[in-house]
Amino acid sequence: MLRGLGVLTDGLIAGRSSATTQKTRIVAHHQQVVRLDHEDTGTVDGAAGRRLRDWVLKALRRRSYDVLVVSDYAKGVVDPALLEALAREHERREFTWIIDPKHANFAHYRRASLVKPNRQEAAAASGVDIVDDQSLRRAGAKLLELWQCEAVLISLGEEGMALFQGRRVQRFPIMGREVFDVTGAGDTVIATCALALGAGCSLEDATALANHAAGVVVGKVGTATVSAPELRAALAQR
């Protein structure tokens, strides 16, 4: 299926220790009501993990890609060994990489270009209960220090997003006019940021584009994507 869509599959690693997650979404009146997941939550077998790590490092050293995205779903694929290898590689030669984090690896993220937690993840990782602008700023500052990253982008639901770079904080209000389904909104944000950074955009412009892209997909039912014409139309309406 991926090859039929023109997606390169040479980096896919098959393992025998667990099955691919299957998600069943129950939708009523254009709203997702509940989701049922069937999955194995064990760790990935060591051989598959090493093959994945070797493939990623080799691709980075060949400069085969403009941006590396680590989308951590806490299923065992992204582990401390992989994250440590990426941090060491970044010390040797700089490259752009962004992380969508999960609780299990909070202690292992380091030296990324951008880390994108949501409000709950940011609060858990920083130890700061985010209830207002002041606590949000404290959380962002702590996360920059904890993860030693260039920037932290916290998604805040109906309050939009906040981008932290050093002492600078920028707020981006939510762009969605109608919200039918938030499925995949976070994936849309990190994918759009990656595409924009790979094209040479600044973090500020990448965040603005991602914010508009997320505003498009939450107005659709189910796991949706945003096309270039849709994103252009959303930008024209701001």
Protein backbone atom coordinates (compact mmCIF):
# COMPACT_ATOMS: atom_id res chain seq x y z
CA MET A 1 0.00 0.00 0.00
CA LEU A 2 2.80 2.40 0.86
CA ARG A 3 4.65 1.68 -2.38
CA GLY A 4 1.40 2.29 -4.25
CA LEU A 5 1.32 5.78 -2.73
CA GLY A 6 4.92 6.42 -3.78
CA VAL A 7 6.32 6.14 -0.24
CA LEU A 8 9.86 4.78 0.14
CA THR A 9 9.84 1.61 2.24
CA ASP A 10 13.55 0.78 2.45
CA GLY A 11 13.64 1.97 6.07
CA LEU A 12 10.83 -0.29 7.30
CA ILE A 13 11.99 -2.92 9.79
CA ALA A 14 9.84 -6.00 10.48
CA GLY A 15 9.96 -7.63 13.91
CA ARG A 16 8.40 -10.78 15.35
CA SER A 17 7.97 -9.68 18.97
CA SER A 18 4.72 -7.72 18.58
CA ALA A 19 1.85 -7.05 16.19
CA THR A 20 1.04 -3.79 14.44
CA THR A 21 -1.48 -1.73 16.42
CA GLN A 22 -5.03 -1.74 15.05
CA LYS A 23 -7.34 1.16 15.93
CA THR A 24 -11.13 1.09 15.59
CA ARG A 25 -12.87 4.46 15.79
CA ILE A 26 -16.58 4.74 16.61
CA VAL A 27 -18.09 7.81 14.94
CA ALA A 28 -21.62 9.14 15.47
CA HIS A 29 -23.08 12.31 13.94
CA HIS A 30 -19.68 13.26 12.51
CA GLN A 31 -18.04 13.10 15.94
CA GLN A 32 -15.61 10.46 17.20
CA VAL A 33 -17.13 8.93 20.32
CA VAL A 34 -14.57 6.33 21.34
CA ARG A 35 -11.55 4.46 19.97
CA LEU A 36 -10.70 0.81 20.59
CA ASP A 37 -7.04 -0.22 20.30
CA HIS A 38 -5.80 -3.77 19.81
CA GLU A 39 -2.05 -3.90 20.42
CA ASP A 40 0.95 -5.48 22.08
CA THR A 41 2.64 -3.11 24.49
CA GLY A 42 5.85 -5.10 24.92
CA THR A 43 9.25 -3.93 23.77
CA VAL A 44 10.60 -4.38 20.26
CA ASP A 45 13.04 -7.27 19.95
CA GLY A 46 16.69 -6.28 20.23
CA ALA A 47 17.68 -7.31 16.71
CA ALA A 48 14.96 -5.19 15.09
CA GLY A 49 15.85 -2.24 17.31
CA ARG A 50 19.53 -2.43 16.34
CA ARG A 51 18.69 -2.70 12.63
CA LEU A 52 16.47 0.37 12.88
CA ARG A 53 19.14 2.34 14.76
CA ASP A 54 21.82 1.39 12.25
CA TRP A 55 19.62 2.33 9.30
CA VAL A 56 18.74 5.75 10.75
CA LEU A 57 22.35 6.60 11.63
CA LYS A 58 23.58 5.54 8.20
CA ALA A 59 20.93 7.69 6.51
CA LEU A 60 21.94 10.69 8.65
CA ARG A 61 25.61 10.27 7.82
CA ARG A 62 24.82 10.08 4.11
CA ARG A 63 22.73 13.26 4.43
CA SER A 64 19.93 11.35 2.69
CA TYR A 65 17.17 13.40 4.34
CA ASP A 66 16.62 17.03 5.33
CA VAL A 67 14.72 16.39 8.59
CA LEU A 68 14.42 13.49 11.05
CA VAL A 69 11.06 13.08 12.83
CA VAL A 70 10.88 10.97 15.99
CA SER A 71 7.16 10.37 16.62
CA ASP A 72 7.17 8.48 19.92
CA TYR A 73 4.01 6.49 20.59
CA ALA A 74 5.49 4.58 23.56
CA LYS A 75 5.11 1.26 21.73
CA GLY A 76 8.75 0.23 22.18
CA VAL A 77 10.19 1.28 18.80
CA VAL A 78 11.64 4.54 20.14
CA ASP A 79 13.83 3.50 23.04
CA PRO A 80 16.60 5.11 25.14
CA ALA A 81 19.33 3.47 23.02
CA LEU A 82 17.98 5.04 19.81
CA LEU A 83 17.54 8.46 21.43
CA GLU A 84 21.04 8.38 22.96
CA ALA A 85 22.53 7.42 19.59
CA LEU A 86 20.76 10.35 17.92
CA ALA A 87 21.92 12.80 20.60
CA ARG A 88 25.54 11.62 20.18
CA GLU A 89 25.26 11.88 16.40
CA HIS A 90 23.96 15.44 16.72
CA GLU A 91 27.02 16.34 18.81
CA ARG A 92 29.26 15.13 15.97
CA ARG A 93 27.36 16.81 13.13
CA GLU A 94 24.30 19.02 13.34
CA PHE A 95 21.07 17.98 11.66
CA THR A 96 17.45 19.02 12.03
CA TRP A 97 15.36 16.64 14.12
CA ILE A 98 12.05 17.02 15.90
CA ILE A 99 10.36 14.90 18.55
CA ASP A 100 6.73 14.21 19.44
CA PRO A 101 7.31 12.96 23.02
CA LYS A 102 5.76 10.40 25.35
CA HIS A 103 6.09 9.97 29.12
CA ALA A 104 8.23 6.82 29.08
CA ASN A 105 11.15 8.61 27.40
CA PHE A 106 10.95 12.07 29.01
CA ALA A 107 14.36 11.48 30.65
CA HIS A 108 15.99 10.45 27.36
CA TYR A 109 15.18 13.28 24.94
CA ARG A 110 18.21 15.49 24.37
CA ARG A 111 19.65 17.98 21.87
CA ALA A 112 16.72 17.95 19.41
CA SER A 113 15.92 20.93 17.20
CA LEU A 114 12.29 20.94 18.42
CA VAL A 115 10.23 18.93 20.92
CA LYS A 116 6.43 19.16 20.68
CA PRO A 117 4.54 18.05 23.82
CA ASN A 118 0.87 18.74 24.47
CA ARG A 119 -0.26 20.48 27.66
CA GLN A 120 -0.50 17.27 29.70
CA GLU A 121 2.88 16.00 28.52
CA ALA A 122 4.54 19.36 29.15
CA ALA A 123 3.10 19.50 32.68
CA ALA A 124 4.20 15.94 33.48
CA ALA A 125 7.72 16.39 32.10
CA SER A 126 8.33 19.78 33.74
CA GLY A 127 6.55 19.13 37.04
CA VAL A 128 4.60 22.38 36.56
CA ASP A 129 0.80 22.38 36.60
CA ILE A 130 -0.04 24.57 33.58
CA VAL A 131 -3.03 26.70 34.59
CA ASP A 132 -2.16 30.19 33.32
CA ASP A 133 0.37 32.12 31.25
CA GLN A 134 2.88 32.35 34.10
CA SER A 135 2.91 28.60 34.77
CA LEU A 136 3.08 27.95 31.02
CA ARG A 137 6.23 30.07 30.80
CA ARG A 138 7.80 28.24 33.75
CA ALA A 139 7.04 24.89 32.18
CA GLY A 140 8.51 25.92 28.83
CA ALA A 141 11.71 27.21 30.44
CA LYS A 142 12.13 23.98 32.44
CA LEU A 143 11.61 21.82 29.36
CA LEU A 144 14.24 23.74 27.37
CA GLU A 145 16.70 23.06 30.19
CA LEU A 146 15.63 19.43 30.72
CA TRP A 147 15.80 18.42 27.06
CA GLN A 148 18.73 20.70 26.06
CA CYS A 149 16.84 21.43 22.83
CA GLU A 150 16.72 24.45 20.56
CA ALA A 151 12.97 24.94 20.96
CA VAL A 152 9.86 23.53 22.64
CA LEU A 153 6.41 23.80 21.05
CA ILE A 154 3.53 23.15 23.48
CA SER A 155 0.11 22.49 21.95
CA LEU A 156 -2.69 23.87 24.15
CA GLY A 157 -5.90 22.61 22.56
CA GLU A 158 -8.42 25.41 22.11
CA GLU A 159 -5.76 27.91 23.29
CA GLY A 160 -3.52 27.24 20.30
CA MET A 161 0.24 26.70 20.70
CA ALA A 162 3.22 28.29 22.47
CA LEU A 163 6.75 28.27 21.02
CA PHE A 164 9.73 28.60 23.39
CA GLN A 165 13.19 29.53 22.11
CA GLY A 166 15.64 30.60 24.79
CA ARG A 167 13.96 33.48 26.65
CA ARG A 168 11.57 34.14 23.78
CA VAL A 169 7.94 32.93 23.95
CA GLN A 170 5.47 33.24 21.07
CA ARG A 171 1.76 32.38 21.20
CA PHE A 172 -0.21 31.09 18.21
CA PRO A 173 -4.03 31.16 18.57
CA ILE A 174 -6.07 28.21 17.33
CA MET A 175 -7.04 28.46 13.66
CA GLY A 176 -9.86 25.88 13.43
CA ARG A 177 -13.29 27.40 12.90
CA GLU A 178 -15.16 24.12 13.33
CA VAL A 179 -13.85 21.13 15.25
CA PHE A 180 -15.30 17.76 14.27
CA ASP A 181 -12.45 15.38 15.07
CA VAL A 182 -9.03 16.06 16.62
CA THR A 183 -7.64 12.70 15.43
CA GLY A 184 -4.20 13.24 13.93
CA ALA A 185 -4.00 16.95 14.72
CA GLY A 186 -0.71 16.50 16.59
CA ASP A 187 0.70 14.41 13.74
CA THR A 188 -0.33 17.17 11.32
CA VAL A 189 1.53 19.75 13.40
CA ILE A 190 4.79 17.81 13.58
CA ALA A 191 4.63 16.75 9.90
CA THR A 192 4.02 20.32 8.75
CA CYS A 193 6.81 21.63 10.98
CA ALA A 194 9.17 19.04 9.50
CA LEU A 195 8.23 19.91 5.94
CA ALA A 196 8.61 23.64 6.57
CA LEU A 197 11.96 23.31 8.39
CA GLY A 198 13.24 21.04 5.62
CA ALA A 199 12.30 23.73 3.10
CA GLY A 200 14.31 26.33 5.03
CA CYS A 201 11.60 28.05 7.07
CA SER A 202 12.27 29.53 10.49
CA LEU A 203 10.74 27.85 13.55
CA GLU A 204 8.25 30.71 13.80
CA ASP A 205 7.05 30.30 10.20
CA ALA A 206 7.01 26.50 10.54
CA THR A 207 4.81 26.80 13.65
CA ALA A 208 2.45 29.24 11.95
CA LEU A 209 2.04 26.89 8.98
CA ALA A 210 1.51 23.91 11.29
CA ASN A 211 -1.11 25.82 13.26
CA HIS A 212 -3.10 26.54 10.10
CA ALA A 213 -2.71 22.96 8.87
CA ALA A 214 -4.07 21.60 12.16
CA GLY A 215 -6.98 24.02 11.90
CA VAL A 216 -7.90 22.40 8.57
CA VAL A 217 -7.73 18.75 9.68
CA VAL A 218 -9.80 19.17 12.87
CA GLY A 219 -12.64 20.37 10.64
CA LYS A 220 -12.72 16.96 8.92
CA VAL A 221 -14.12 13.65 10.16
CA GLY A 222 -11.70 10.82 10.87
CA THR A 223 -7.96 10.63 10.31
CA ALA A 224 -7.52 13.39 7.73
CA THR A 225 -4.75 15.11 5.83
CA VAL A 226 -4.33 18.65 4.54
CA SER A 227 -3.37 19.37 0.95
CA ALA A 228 -1.23 22.25 -0.29
CA PRO A 229 -4.26 24.04 -1.87
CA GLU A 230 -6.20 23.70 1.41
CA LEU A 231 -3.30 25.15 3.38
CA ARG A 232 -2.98 28.04 0.91
CA ALA A 233 -6.72 28.74 1.29
CA ALA A 234 -6.45 28.69 5.09
CA LEU A 235 -3.52 31.13 5.00
CA ALA A 236 -5.46 33.45 2.67
CA GLN A 237 -8.34 33.63 5.17
CA ARG A 238 -6.29 34.74 8.16
